[in-house]
Amino acid sequence: MASVRDGVGVGREWFMMLGSIQMKKILLVAAAASLMSVAACSKSPEAAAVENNADMMADNMDALASNVADMSNTTANPFAEDNAEAVAENIHSAADNVRDAGEDAAHNM
C-alpha cells in the first residue's frame, strides 16, 4: 500500500470506500425491487382457487368447441357444417369470457 505522503494511498482508500457504499446502495435497491415483485404477485388462496377454477372451466369449454368443430367435418350437409363451426367459435369466445371473468374476480378479492 502506498504511503499517505504521495497521496495515492489516500485516494485509493477513498475510492474503495466509495465503491463499497455504491455496492450497498445497489444491493438495497435490488432487495427492495425483489420484495416489491413478490408482494405484487402474491394472491390469496381464494383468489388463486377462483382463477384456477375459471381456467379449468374454460379449458373444458375449449375442448368441447374443438369436438364440435371436429364433428362439423363429418356431416354431408354444408349448412349443418357452417352452423357447427359457428357454435364452436361461440364456445371459444365464451371460454375466453370465462377466463377474463375469473381473472377479474381474482383481482377483486
PDB file of N, CA and C in Angstrom:
ATOM      1  N   MET A   1       0.842  -1.166   0.000  1.00  0.00           N
ATOM      2  CA  MET A   1       0.000   0.000   0.000  1.00  0.00           C
ATOM      3  C   MET A   1       0.888   1.230   0.000  1.00  0.00           C
ATOM      4  N   ALA A   2       0.510   2.227  -0.737  1.00  0.00           N
ATOM      5  CA  ALA A   2       1.315   3.447  -0.850  1.00  0.00           C
ATOM      6  C   ALA A   2       1.202   4.267   0.424  1.00  0.00           C
ATOM      7  N   SER A   3       2.169   5.073   0.614  1.00  0.00           N
ATOM      8  CA  SER A   3       2.160   5.909   1.823  1.00  0.00           C
ATOM      9  C   SER A   3       1.222   7.092   1.632  1.00  0.00           C
ATOM     10  N   VAL A   4       0.892   7.707   2.738  1.00  0.00           N
ATOM     11  CA  VAL A   4      -0.022   8.834   2.705  1.00  0.00           C
ATOM     12  C   VAL A   4       0.659  10.055   2.083  1.00  0.00           C
ATOM     13  N   ARG A   5       2.013  10.100   2.130  1.00  0.00           N
ATOM     14  CA  ARG A   5       2.731  11.267   1.625  1.00  0.00           C
ATOM     15  C   ARG A   5       2.535  11.482   0.129  1.00  0.00           C
ATOM     16  N   ASP A   6       2.503  10.415  -0.625  1.00  0.00           N
ATOM     17  CA  ASP A   6       2.379  10.618  -2.070  1.00  0.00           C
ATOM     18  C   ASP A   6       0.932  10.839  -2.503  1.00  0.00           C
ATOM     19  N   GLY A   7      -0.035  10.656  -1.622  1.00  0.00           N
ATOM     20  CA  GLY A   7      -1.425  10.965  -1.938  1.00  0.00           C
ATOM     21  C   GLY A   7      -2.156   9.859  -2.666  1.00  0.00           C
ATOM     22  N   VAL A   8      -1.430   8.887  -3.204  1.00  0.00           N
ATOM     23  CA  VAL A   8      -2.073   7.816  -3.949  1.00  0.00           C
ATOM     24  C   VAL A   8      -2.841   6.887  -3.014  1.00  0.00           C
ATOM     25  N   GLY A   9      -2.250   6.564  -1.877  1.00  0.00           N
ATOM     26  CA  GLY A   9      -2.895   5.650  -0.943  1.00  0.00           C
ATOM     27  C   GLY A   9      -4.192   6.213  -0.401  1.00  0.00           C
ATOM     28  N   VAL A  10      -4.233   7.498  -0.116  1.00  0.00           N
ATOM     29  CA  VAL A  10      -5.441   8.119   0.405  1.00  0.00           C
ATOM     30  C   VAL A  10      -6.539   8.104  -0.653  1.00  0.00           C
ATOM     31  N   GLY A  11      -6.193   8.415  -1.871  1.00  0.00           N
ATOM     32  CA  GLY A  11      -7.176   8.418  -2.950  1.00  0.00           C
ATOM     33  C   GLY A  11      -7.730   7.034  -3.213  1.00  0.00           C
ATOM     34  N   ARG A  12      -6.869   6.021  -3.149  1.00  0.00           N
ATOM     35  CA  ARG A  12      -7.291   4.658  -3.390  1.00  0.00           C
ATOM     36  C   ARG A  12      -8.243   4.202  -2.288  1.00  0.00           C
ATOM     37  N   GLU A  13      -7.911   4.511  -1.042  1.00  0.00           N
ATOM     38  CA  GLU A  13      -8.784   4.126   0.065  1.00  0.00           C
ATOM     39  C   GLU A  13     -10.142   4.815  -0.045  1.00  0.00           C
ATOM     40  N   TRP A  14     -10.121   6.077  -0.414  1.00  0.00           N
ATOM     41  CA  TRP A  14     -11.376   6.813  -0.557  1.00  0.00           C
ATOM     42  C   TRP A  14     -12.212   6.216  -1.686  1.00  0.00           C
ATOM     43  N   PHE A  15     -11.544   5.854  -2.793  1.00  0.00           N
ATOM     44  CA  PHE A  15     -12.247   5.253  -3.925  1.00  0.00           C
ATOM     45  C   PHE A  15     -12.833   3.892  -3.547  1.00  0.00           C
ATOM     46  N   MET A  16     -12.079   3.091  -2.790  1.00  0.00           N
ATOM     47  CA  MET A  16     -12.570   1.786  -2.353  1.00  0.00           C
ATOM     48  C   MET A  16     -13.780   1.938  -1.441  1.00  0.00           C
ATOM     49  N   MET A  17     -13.744   2.933  -0.544  1.00  0.00           N
ATOM     50  CA  MET A  17     -14.864   3.164   0.354  1.00  0.00           C
ATOM     51  C   MET A  17     -16.083   3.616  -0.443  1.00  0.00           C
ATOM     52  N   LEU A  18     -15.887   4.474  -1.438  1.00  0.00           N
ATOM     53  CA  LEU A  18     -16.977   4.948  -2.279  1.00  0.00           C
ATOM     54  C   LEU A  18     -17.606   3.778  -3.034  1.00  0.00           C
ATOM     55  N   GLY A  19     -16.781   2.884  -3.552  1.00  0.00           N
ATOM     56  CA  GLY A  19     -17.294   1.702  -4.242  1.00  0.00           C
ATOM     57  C   GLY A  19     -18.111   0.823  -3.317  1.00  0.00           C
ATOM     58  N   SER A  20     -17.688   0.679  -2.084  1.00  0.00           N
ATOM     59  CA  SER A  20     -18.422  -0.122  -1.106  1.00  0.00           C
ATOM     60  C   SER A  20     -19.784   0.489  -0.819  1.00  0.00           C
ATOM     61  N   ILE A  21     -19.851   1.795  -0.699  1.00  0.00           N
ATOM     62  CA  ILE A  21     -21.125   2.470  -0.443  1.00  0.00           C
ATOM     63  C   ILE A  21     -22.054   2.298  -1.639  1.00  0.00           C
ATOM     64  N   GLN A  22     -21.516   2.437  -2.840  1.00  0.00           N
ATOM     65  CA  GLN A  22     -22.350   2.269  -4.034  1.00  0.00           C
ATOM     66  C   GLN A  22     -22.879   0.842  -4.130  1.00  0.00           C
ATOM     67  N   MET A  23     -22.055  -0.133  -3.796  1.00  0.00           N
ATOM     68  CA  MET A  23     -22.491  -1.521  -3.855  1.00  0.00           C
ATOM     69  C   MET A  23     -23.599  -1.775  -2.844  1.00  0.00           C
ATOM     70  N   LYS A  24     -23.484  -1.184  -1.663  1.00  0.00           N
ATOM     71  CA  LYS A  24     -24.533  -1.355  -0.660  1.00  0.00           C
ATOM     72  C   LYS A  24     -25.839  -0.750  -1.152  1.00  0.00           C
ATOM     73  N   LYS A  25     -25.771   0.394  -1.829  1.00  0.00           N
ATOM     74  CA  LYS A  25     -26.980   1.016  -2.362  1.00  0.00           C
ATOM     75  C   LYS A  25     -27.605   0.140  -3.442  1.00  0.00           C
ATOM     76  N   ILE A  26     -26.770  -0.424  -4.293  1.00  0.00           N
ATOM     77  CA  ILE A  26     -27.280  -1.284  -5.360  1.00  0.00           C
ATOM     78  C   ILE A  26     -27.956  -2.507  -4.766  1.00  0.00           C
ATOM     79  N   LEU A  27     -27.331  -3.101  -3.754  1.00  0.00           N
ATOM     80  CA  LEU A  27     -27.933  -4.268  -3.107  1.00  0.00           C
ATOM     81  C   LEU A  27     -29.248  -3.902  -2.427  1.00  0.00           C
ATOM     82  N   LEU A  28     -29.309  -2.739  -1.814  1.00  0.00           N
ATOM     83  CA  LEU A  28     -30.530  -2.303  -1.159  1.00  0.00           C
ATOM     84  C   LEU A  28     -31.657  -2.112  -2.176  1.00  0.00           C
ATOM     85  N   VAL A  29     -31.341  -1.485  -3.307  1.00  0.00           N
ATOM     86  CA  VAL A  29     -32.353  -1.273  -4.349  1.00  0.00           C
ATOM     87  C   VAL A  29     -32.797  -2.613  -4.939  1.00  0.00           C
ATOM     88  N   ALA A  30     -31.857  -3.529  -5.160  1.00  0.00           N
ATOM     89  CA  ALA A  30     -32.216  -4.840  -5.709  1.00  0.00           C
ATOM     90  C   ALA A  30     -33.105  -5.619  -4.737  1.00  0.00           C
ATOM     91  N   ALA A  31     -32.775  -5.552  -3.454  1.00  0.00           N
ATOM     92  CA  ALA A  31     -33.593  -6.243  -2.454  1.00  0.00           C
ATOM     93  C   ALA A  31     -34.992  -5.647  -2.388  1.00  0.00           C
ATOM     94  N   ALA A  32     -35.084  -4.320  -2.441  1.00  0.00           N
ATOM     95  CA  ALA A  32     -36.398  -3.673  -2.399  1.00  0.00           C
ATOM     96  C   ALA A  32     -37.221  -4.043  -3.630  1.00  0.00           C
ATOM     97  N   ALA A  33     -36.584  -4.077  -4.786  1.00  0.00           N
ATOM     98  CA  ALA A  33     -37.307  -4.431  -6.010  1.00  0.00           C
ATOM     99  C   ALA A  33     -37.801  -5.872  -5.956  1.00  0.00           C
ATOM    100  N   SER A  34     -36.993  -6.771  -5.436  1.00  0.00           N
ATOM    101  CA  SER A  34     -37.431  -8.166  -5.371  1.00  0.00           C
ATOM    102  C   SER A  34     -38.573  -8.334  -4.375  1.00  0.00           C
ATOM    103  N   LEU A  35     -38.531  -7.622  -3.265  1.00  0.00           N
ATOM    104  CA  LEU A  35     -39.631  -7.707  -2.304  1.00  0.00           C
ATOM    105  C   LEU A  35     -40.912  -7.112  -2.868  1.00  0.00           C
ATOM    106  N   MET A  36     -40.798  -6.041  -3.638  1.00  0.00           N
ATOM    107  CA  MET A  36     -41.989  -5.443  -4.239  1.00  0.00           C
ATOM    108  C   MET A  36     -42.597  -6.385  -5.273  1.00  0.00           C
ATOM    109  N   SER A  37     -41.765  -7.077  -6.028  1.00  0.00           N
ATOM    110  CA  SER A  37     -42.304  -8.001  -7.030  1.00  0.00           C
ATOM    111  C   SER A  37     -42.973  -9.193  -6.362  1.00  0.00           C
ATOM    112  N   VAL A  38     -42.434  -9.648  -5.255  1.00  0.00           N
ATOM    113  CA  VAL A  38     -43.065 -10.758  -4.538  1.00  0.00           C
ATOM    114  C   VAL A  38     -44.402 -10.308  -3.957  1.00  0.00           C
ATOM    115  N   ALA A  39     -44.441  -9.105  -3.421  1.00  0.00           N
ATOM    116  CA  ALA A  39     -45.686  -8.595  -2.846  1.00  0.00           C
ATOM    117  C   ALA A  39     -46.746  -8.389  -3.924  1.00  0.00           C
ATOM    118  N   ALA A  40     -46.332  -7.984  -5.112  1.00  0.00           N
ATOM    119  CA  ALA A  40     -47.294  -7.745  -6.188  1.00  0.00           C
ATOM    120  C   ALA A  40     -47.844  -9.048  -6.746  1.00  0.00           C
ATOM    121  N   CYS A  41     -47.081 -10.108  -6.692  1.00  0.00           N
ATOM    122  CA  CYS A  41     -47.506 -11.374  -7.291  1.00  0.00           C
ATOM    123  C   CYS A  41     -48.264 -12.273  -6.324  1.00  0.00           C
ATOM    124  N   SER A  42     -48.241 -11.958  -5.069  1.00  0.00           N
ATOM    125  CA  SER A  42     -48.892 -12.864  -4.131  1.00  0.00           C
ATOM    126  C   SER A  42     -50.404 -12.728  -4.227  1.00  0.00           C
ATOM    127  N   LYS A  43     -51.073 -13.868  -4.210  1.00  0.00           N
ATOM    128  CA  LYS A  43     -52.528 -13.908  -4.267  1.00  0.00           C
ATOM    129  C   LYS A  43     -53.029 -14.657  -3.055  1.00  0.00           C
ATOM    130  N   SER A  44     -54.207 -14.333  -2.675  1.00  0.00           N
ATOM    131  CA  SER A  44     -54.815 -15.101  -1.592  1.00  0.00           C
ATOM    132  C   SER A  44     -55.173 -16.489  -2.130  1.00  0.00           C
ATOM    133  N   PRO A  45     -55.266 -17.468  -1.274  1.00  0.00           N
ATOM    134  CA  PRO A  45     -55.639 -18.812  -1.749  1.00  0.00           C
ATOM    135  C   PRO A  45     -57.011 -18.835  -2.417  1.00  0.00           C
ATOM    136  N   GLU A  46     -57.919 -17.998  -1.920  1.00  0.00           N
ATOM    137  CA  GLU A  46     -59.251 -17.954  -2.521  1.00  0.00           C
ATOM    138  C   GLU A  46     -59.191 -17.401  -3.940  1.00  0.00           C
ATOM    139  N   ALA A  47     -58.391 -16.355  -4.137  1.00  0.00           N
ATOM    140  CA  ALA A  47     -58.259 -15.758  -5.466  1.00  0.00           C
ATOM    141  C   ALA A  47     -57.616 -16.742  -6.433  1.00  0.00           C
ATOM    142  N   ALA A  48     -56.611 -17.457  -5.960  1.00  0.00           N
ATOM    143  CA  ALA A  48     -55.964 -18.451  -6.819  1.00  0.00           C
ATOM    144  C   ALA A  48     -56.940 -19.564  -7.175  1.00  0.00           C
ATOM    145  N   ALA A  49     -57.776 -19.966  -6.218  1.00  0.00           N
ATOM    146  CA  ALA A  49     -58.754 -21.020  -6.494  1.00  0.00           C
ATOM    147  C   ALA A  49     -59.787 -20.558  -7.517  1.00  0.00           C
ATOM    148  N   VAL A  50     -60.244 -19.319  -7.391  1.00  0.00           N
ATOM    149  CA  VAL A  50     -61.221 -18.790  -8.351  1.00  0.00           C
ATOM    150  C   VAL A  50     -60.622 -18.766  -9.751  1.00  0.00           C
ATOM    151  N   GLU A  51     -59.390 -18.286  -9.846  1.00  0.00           N
ATOM    152  CA  GLU A  51     -58.750 -18.201 -11.163  1.00  0.00           C
ATOM    153  C   GLU A  51     -58.486 -19.596 -11.730  1.00  0.00           C
ATOM    154  N   ASN A  52     -58.063 -20.533 -10.895  1.00  0.00           N
ATOM    155  CA  ASN A  52     -57.823 -21.904 -11.364  1.00  0.00           C
ATOM    156  C   ASN A  52     -59.112 -22.565 -11.827  1.00  0.00           C
ATOM    157  N   ASN A  53     -60.199 -22.364 -11.082  1.00  0.00           N
ATOM    158  CA  ASN A  53     -61.480 -22.948 -11.485  1.00  0.00           C
ATOM    159  C   ASN A  53     -61.964 -22.356 -12.802  1.00  0.00           C
ATOM    160  N   ALA A  54     -61.793 -21.052 -12.977  1.00  0.00           N
ATOM    161  CA  ALA A  54     -62.196 -20.423 -14.235  1.00  0.00           C
ATOM    162  C   ALA A  54     -61.354 -20.957 -15.391  1.00  0.00           C
ATOM    163  N   ASP A  55     -60.062 -21.146 -15.160  1.00  0.00           N
ATOM    164  CA  ASP A  55     -59.197 -21.694 -16.214  1.00  0.00           C
ATOM    165  C   ASP A  55     -59.592 -23.123 -16.576  1.00  0.00           C
ATOM    166  N   MET A  56     -59.903 -23.925 -15.557  1.00  0.00           N
ATOM    167  CA  MET A  56     -60.312 -25.304 -15.839  1.00  0.00           C
ATOM    168  C   MET A  56     -61.626 -25.344 -16.604  1.00  0.00           C
ATOM    169  N   MET A  57     -62.566 -24.496 -16.212  1.00  0.00           N
ATOM    170  CA  MET A  57     -63.843 -24.461 -16.914  1.00  0.00           C
ATOM    171  C   MET A  57     -63.648 -24.002 -18.356  1.00  0.00           C
ATOM    172  N   ALA A  58     -62.816 -23.006 -18.551  1.00  0.00           N
ATOM    173  CA  ALA A  58     -62.560 -22.514 -19.905  1.00  0.00           C
ATOM    174  C   ALA A  58     -61.831 -23.564 -20.740  1.00  0.00           C
ATOM    175  N   ASP A  59     -60.908 -24.300 -20.131  1.00  0.00           N
ATOM    176  CA  ASP A  59     -60.231 -25.377 -20.859  1.00  0.00           C
ATOM    177  C   ASP A  59     -61.224 -26.452 -21.303  1.00  0.00           C
ATOM    178  N   ASN A  60     -62.169 -26.791 -20.432  1.00  0.00           N
ATOM    179  CA  ASN A  60     -63.200 -27.767 -20.797  1.00  0.00           C
ATOM    180  C   ASN A  60     -64.073 -27.236 -21.929  1.00  0.00           C
ATOM    181  N   MET A  61     -64.397 -25.959 -21.884  1.00  0.00           N
ATOM    182  CA  MET A  61     -65.202 -25.360 -22.952  1.00  0.00           C
ATOM    183  C   MET A  61     -64.432 -25.360 -24.275  1.00  0.00           C
ATOM    184  N   ASP A  62     -63.123 -25.090 -24.219  1.00  0.00           N
ATOM    185  CA  ASP A  62     -62.305 -25.138 -25.438  1.00  0.00           C
ATOM    186  C   ASP A  62     -62.257 -26.550 -26.012  1.00  0.00           C
ATOM    187  N   ALA A  63     -62.173 -27.540 -25.139  1.00  0.00           N
ATOM    188  CA  ALA A  63     -62.179 -28.924 -25.608  1.00  0.00           C
ATOM    189  C   ALA A  63     -63.519 -29.269 -26.268  1.00  0.00           C
ATOM    190  N   LEU A  64     -64.607 -28.799 -25.665  1.00  0.00           N
ATOM    191  CA  LEU A  64     -65.932 -29.017 -26.245  1.00  0.00           C
ATOM    192  C   LEU A  64     -66.027 -28.342 -27.617  1.00  0.00           C
ATOM    193  N   ALA A  65     -65.519 -27.131 -27.724  1.00  0.00           N
ATOM    194  CA  ALA A  65     -65.555 -26.414 -29.003  1.00  0.00           C
ATOM    195  C   ALA A  65     -64.736 -27.154 -30.062  1.00  0.00           C
ATOM    196  N   SER A  66     -63.610 -27.713 -29.657  1.00  0.00           N
ATOM    197  CA  SER A  66     -62.804 -28.491 -30.607  1.00  0.00           C
ATOM    198  C   SER A  66     -63.549 -29.731 -31.072  1.00  0.00           C
ATOM    199  N   ASN A  67     -64.254 -30.374 -30.152  1.00  0.00           N
ATOM    200  CA  ASN A  67     -65.050 -31.548 -30.534  1.00  0.00           C
ATOM    201  C   ASN A  67     -66.165 -31.171 -31.494  1.00  0.00           C
ATOM    202  N   VAL A  68     -66.826 -30.048 -31.243  1.00  0.00           N
ATOM    203  CA  VAL A  68     -67.899 -29.593 -32.139  1.00  0.00           C
ATOM    204  C   VAL A  68     -67.321 -29.267 -33.510  1.00  0.00           C
ATOM    205  N   ALA A  69     -66.165 -28.620 -33.538  1.00  0.00           N
ATOM    206  CA  ALA A  69     -65.532 -28.299 -34.823  1.00  0.00           C
ATOM    207  C   ALA A  69     -65.136 -29.569 -35.567  1.00  0.00           C
ATOM    208  N   ASP A  70     -64.650 -30.577 -34.842  1.00  0.00           N
ATOM    209  CA  ASP A  70     -64.310 -31.844 -35.487  1.00  0.00           C
ATOM    210  C   ASP A  70     -65.552 -32.547 -36.027  1.00  0.00           C
ATOM    211  N   MET A  71     -66.657 -32.462 -35.286  1.00  0.00           N
ATOM    212  CA  MET A  71     -67.904 -33.090 -35.748  1.00  0.00           C
ATOM    213  C   MET A  71     -68.459 -32.372 -36.983  1.00  0.00           C
ATOM    214  N   SER A  72     -68.161 -31.084 -37.111  1.00  0.00           N
ATOM    215  CA  SER A  72     -68.679 -30.358 -38.279  1.00  0.00           C
ATOM    216  C   SER A  72     -68.080 -30.884 -39.575  1.00  0.00           C
ATOM    217  N   ASN A  73     -66.921 -31.492 -39.476  1.00  0.00           N
ATOM    218  CA  ASN A  73     -66.270 -32.027 -40.677  1.00  0.00           C
ATOM    219  C   ASN A  73     -66.834 -33.377 -41.097  1.00  0.00           C
ATOM    220  N   THR A  74     -67.643 -33.980 -40.255  1.00  0.00           N
ATOM    221  CA  THR A  74     -68.166 -35.318 -40.571  1.00  0.00           C
ATOM    222  C   THR A  74     -69.542 -35.287 -41.217  1.00  0.00           C
ATOM    223  N   THR A  75     -70.159 -34.119 -41.311  1.00  0.00           N
ATOM    224  CA  THR A  75     -71.507 -34.045 -41.874  1.00  0.00           C
ATOM    225  C   THR A  75     -71.441 -33.772 -43.377  1.00  0.00           C
ATOM    226  N   ALA A  76     -72.443 -34.269 -44.066  1.00  0.00           N
ATOM    227  CA  ALA A  76     -72.529 -34.043 -45.513  1.00  0.00           C
ATOM    228  C   ALA A  76     -73.319 -32.777 -45.817  1.00  0.00           C
ATOM    229  N   ASN A  77     -74.030 -32.254 -44.835  1.00  0.00           N
ATOM    230  CA  ASN A  77     -74.865 -31.074 -45.015  1.00  0.00           C
ATOM    231  C   ASN A  77     -74.008 -29.814 -44.798  1.00  0.00           C
ATOM    232  N   PRO A  78     -73.841 -28.984 -45.829  1.00  0.00           N
ATOM    233  CA  PRO A  78     -72.991 -27.801 -45.670  1.00  0.00           C
ATOM    234  C   PRO A  78     -73.563 -26.777 -44.678  1.00  0.00           C
ATOM    235  N   PHE A  79     -74.903 -26.728 -44.572  1.00  0.00           N
ATOM    236  CA  PHE A  79     -75.498 -25.792 -43.615  1.00  0.00           C
ATOM    237  C   PHE A  79     -75.227 -26.231 -42.175  1.00  0.00           C
ATOM    238  N   ALA A  80     -75.322 -27.538 -41.946  1.00  0.00           N
ATOM    239  CA  ALA A  80     -75.026 -28.059 -40.615  1.00  0.00           C
ATOM    240  C   ALA A  80     -73.556 -27.860 -40.272  1.00  0.00           C
ATOM    241  N   GLU A  81     -72.698 -27.984 -41.272  1.00  0.00           N
ATOM    242  CA  GLU A  81     -71.264 -27.766 -41.048  1.00  0.00           C
ATOM    243  C   GLU A  81     -70.992 -26.315 -40.654  1.00  0.00           C
ATOM    244  N   ASP A  82     -71.615 -25.381 -41.375  1.00  0.00           N
ATOM    245  CA  ASP A  82     -71.435 -23.961 -41.051  1.00  0.00           C
ATOM    246  C   ASP A  82     -71.968 -23.634 -39.656  1.00  0.00           C
ATOM    247  N   ASN A  83     -73.133 -24.207 -39.335  1.00  0.00           N
ATOM    248  CA  ASN A  83     -73.714 -23.957 -38.010  1.00  0.00           C
ATOM    249  C   ASN A  83     -72.829 -24.515 -36.902  1.00  0.00           C
ATOM    250  N   ALA A  84     -72.288 -25.712 -37.109  1.00  0.00           N
ATOM    251  CA  ALA A  84     -71.430 -26.326 -36.093  1.00  0.00           C
ATOM    252  C   ALA A  84     -70.147 -25.511 -35.907  1.00  0.00           C
ATOM    253  N   GLU A  85     -69.594 -25.005 -37.002  1.00  0.00           N
ATOM    254  CA  GLU A  85     -68.390 -24.179 -36.890  1.00  0.00           C
ATOM    255  C   GLU A  85     -68.689 -22.869 -36.159  1.00  0.00           C
ATOM    256  N   ALA A  86     -69.862 -22.300 -36.402  1.00  0.00           N
ATOM    257  CA  ALA A  86     -70.252 -21.082 -35.701  1.00  0.00           C
ATOM    258  C   ALA A  86     -70.442 -21.346 -34.210  1.00  0.00           C
ATOM    259  N   VAL A  87     -71.026 -22.500 -33.890  1.00  0.00           N
ATOM    260  CA  VAL A  87     -71.199 -22.873 -32.482  1.00  0.00           C
ATOM    261  C   VAL A  87     -69.836 -23.036 -31.817  1.00  0.00           C
ATOM    262  N   ALA A  88     -68.902 -23.661 -32.504  1.00  0.00           N
ATOM    263  CA  ALA A  88     -67.560 -23.860 -31.955  1.00  0.00           C
ATOM    264  C   ALA A  88     -66.880 -22.511 -31.690  1.00  0.00           C
ATOM    265  N   GLU A  89     -67.032 -21.573 -32.603  1.00  0.00           N
ATOM    266  CA  GLU A  89     -66.450 -20.239 -32.404  1.00  0.00           C
ATOM    267  C   GLU A  89     -67.094 -19.534 -31.217  1.00  0.00           C
ATOM    268  N   ASN A  90     -68.415 -19.684 -31.095  1.00  0.00           N
ATOM    269  CA  ASN A  90     -69.106 -19.065 -29.953  1.00  0.00           C
ATOM    270  C   ASN A  90     -68.650 -19.670 -28.628  1.00  0.00           C
ATOM    271  N   ILE A  91     -68.425 -20.970 -28.613  1.00  0.00           N
ATOM    272  CA  ILE A  91     -67.967 -21.625 -27.384  1.00  0.00           C
ATOM    273  C   ILE A  91     -66.548 -21.151 -27.043  1.00  0.00           C
ATOM    274  N   HIS A  92     -65.692 -20.998 -28.036  1.00  0.00           N
ATOM    275  CA  HIS A  92     -64.342 -20.464 -27.796  1.00  0.00           C
ATOM    276  C   HIS A  92     -64.423 -19.048 -27.214  1.00  0.00           C
ATOM    277  N   SER A  93     -65.305 -18.233 -27.758  1.00  0.00           N
ATOM    278  CA  SER A  93     -65.475 -16.868 -27.240  1.00  0.00           C
ATOM    279  C   SER A  93     -65.981 -16.882 -25.802  1.00  0.00           C
ATOM    280  N   ALA A  94     -66.917 -17.789 -25.527  1.00  0.00           N
ATOM    281  CA  ALA A  94     -67.434 -17.900 -24.164  1.00  0.00           C
ATOM    282  C   ALA A  94     -66.335 -18.364 -23.206  1.00  0.00           C
ATOM    283  N   ALA A  95     -65.462 -19.247 -23.665  1.00  0.00           N
ATOM    284  CA  ALA A  95     -64.350 -19.699 -22.822  1.00  0.00           C
ATOM    285  C   ALA A  95     -63.412 -18.540 -22.499  1.00  0.00           C
ATOM    286  N   ASP A  96     -63.152 -17.695 -23.489  1.00  0.00           N
ATOM    287  CA  ASP A  96     -62.317 -16.511 -23.234  1.00  0.00           C
ATOM    288  C   ASP A  96     -62.983 -15.589 -22.213  1.00  0.00           C
ATOM    289  N   ASN A  97     -64.302 -15.447 -22.315  1.00  0.00           N
ATOM    290  CA  ASN A  97     -65.029 -14.616 -21.354  1.00  0.00           C
ATOM    291  C   ASN A  97     -64.965 -15.195 -19.945  1.00  0.00           C
ATOM    292  N   VAL A  98     -65.022 -16.518 -19.843  1.00  0.00           N
ATOM    293  CA  VAL A  98     -64.924 -17.162 -18.531  1.00  0.00           C
ATOM    294  C   VAL A  98     -63.545 -16.917 -17.927  1.00  0.00           C
ATOM    295  N   ARG A  99     -62.503 -17.022 -18.739  1.00  0.00           N
ATOM    296  CA  ARG A  99     -61.140 -16.747 -18.245  1.00  0.00           C
ATOM    297  C   ARG A  99     -61.034 -15.304 -17.755  1.00  0.00           C
ATOM    298  N   ASP A 100     -61.535 -14.375 -18.558  1.00  0.00           N
ATOM    299  CA  ASP A 100     -61.468 -12.954 -18.176  1.00  0.00           C
ATOM    300  C   ASP A 100     -62.252 -12.694 -16.893  1.00  0.00           C
ATOM    301  N   ALA A 101     -63.424 -13.297 -16.769  1.00  0.00           N
ATOM    302  CA  ALA A 101     -64.235 -13.097 -15.560  1.00  0.00           C
ATOM    303  C   ALA A 101     -63.544 -13.682 -14.349  1.00  0.00           C
ATOM    304  N   GLY A 102     -62.890 -14.834 -14.511  1.00  0.00           N
ATOM    305  CA  GLY A 102     -62.158 -15.427 -13.402  1.00  0.00           C
ATOM    306  C   GLY A 102     -60.986 -14.561 -12.953  1.00  0.00           C
ATOM    307  N   GLU A 103     -60.260 -13.994 -13.931  1.00  0.00           N
ATOM    308  CA  GLU A 103     -59.147 -13.093 -13.577  1.00  0.00           C
ATOM    309  C   GLU A 103     -59.663 -11.839 -12.875  1.00  0.00           C
ATOM    310  N   ASP A 104     -60.751 -11.285 -13.379  1.00  0.00           N
ATOM    311  CA  ASP A 104     -61.322 -10.077 -12.748  1.00  0.00           C
ATOM    312  C   ASP A 104     -61.779 -10.381 -11.337  1.00  0.00           C
ATOM    313  N   ALA A 105     -62.439 -11.511 -11.145  1.00  0.00           N
ATOM    314  CA  ALA A 105     -62.915 -11.865  -9.812  1.00  0.00           C
ATOM    315  C   ALA A 105     -61.738 -12.101  -8.856  1.00  0.00           C
ATOM    316  N   ALA A 106     -60.677 -12.701  -9.372  1.00  0.00           N
ATOM    317  CA  ALA A 106     -59.496 -12.947  -8.526  1.00  0.00           C
ATOM    318  C   ALA A 106     -58.806 -11.655  -8.147  1.00  0.00           C
ATOM    319  N   HIS A 107     -58.771 -10.698  -9.066  1.00  0.00           N
ATOM    320  CA  HIS A 107     -58.136  -9.399  -8.763  1.00  0.00           C
ATOM    321  C   HIS A 107     -58.947  -8.592  -7.785  1.00  0.00           C
ATOM    322  N   ASN A 108     -60.244  -8.817  -7.734  1.00  0.00           N
ATOM    323  CA  ASN A 108     -61.097  -8.054  -6.827  1.00  0.00           C
ATOM    324  C   ASN A 108     -61.177  -8.654  -5.427  1.00  0.00           C
ATOM    325  N   MET A 109     -60.527  -9.789  -5.221  1.00  0.00           N
ATOM    326  CA  MET A 109     -60.574 -10.443  -3.897  1.00  0.00           C
ATOM    327  C   MET A 109     -59.497  -9.872  -3.001  1.00  0.00           C
TER     328      MET A 109
END
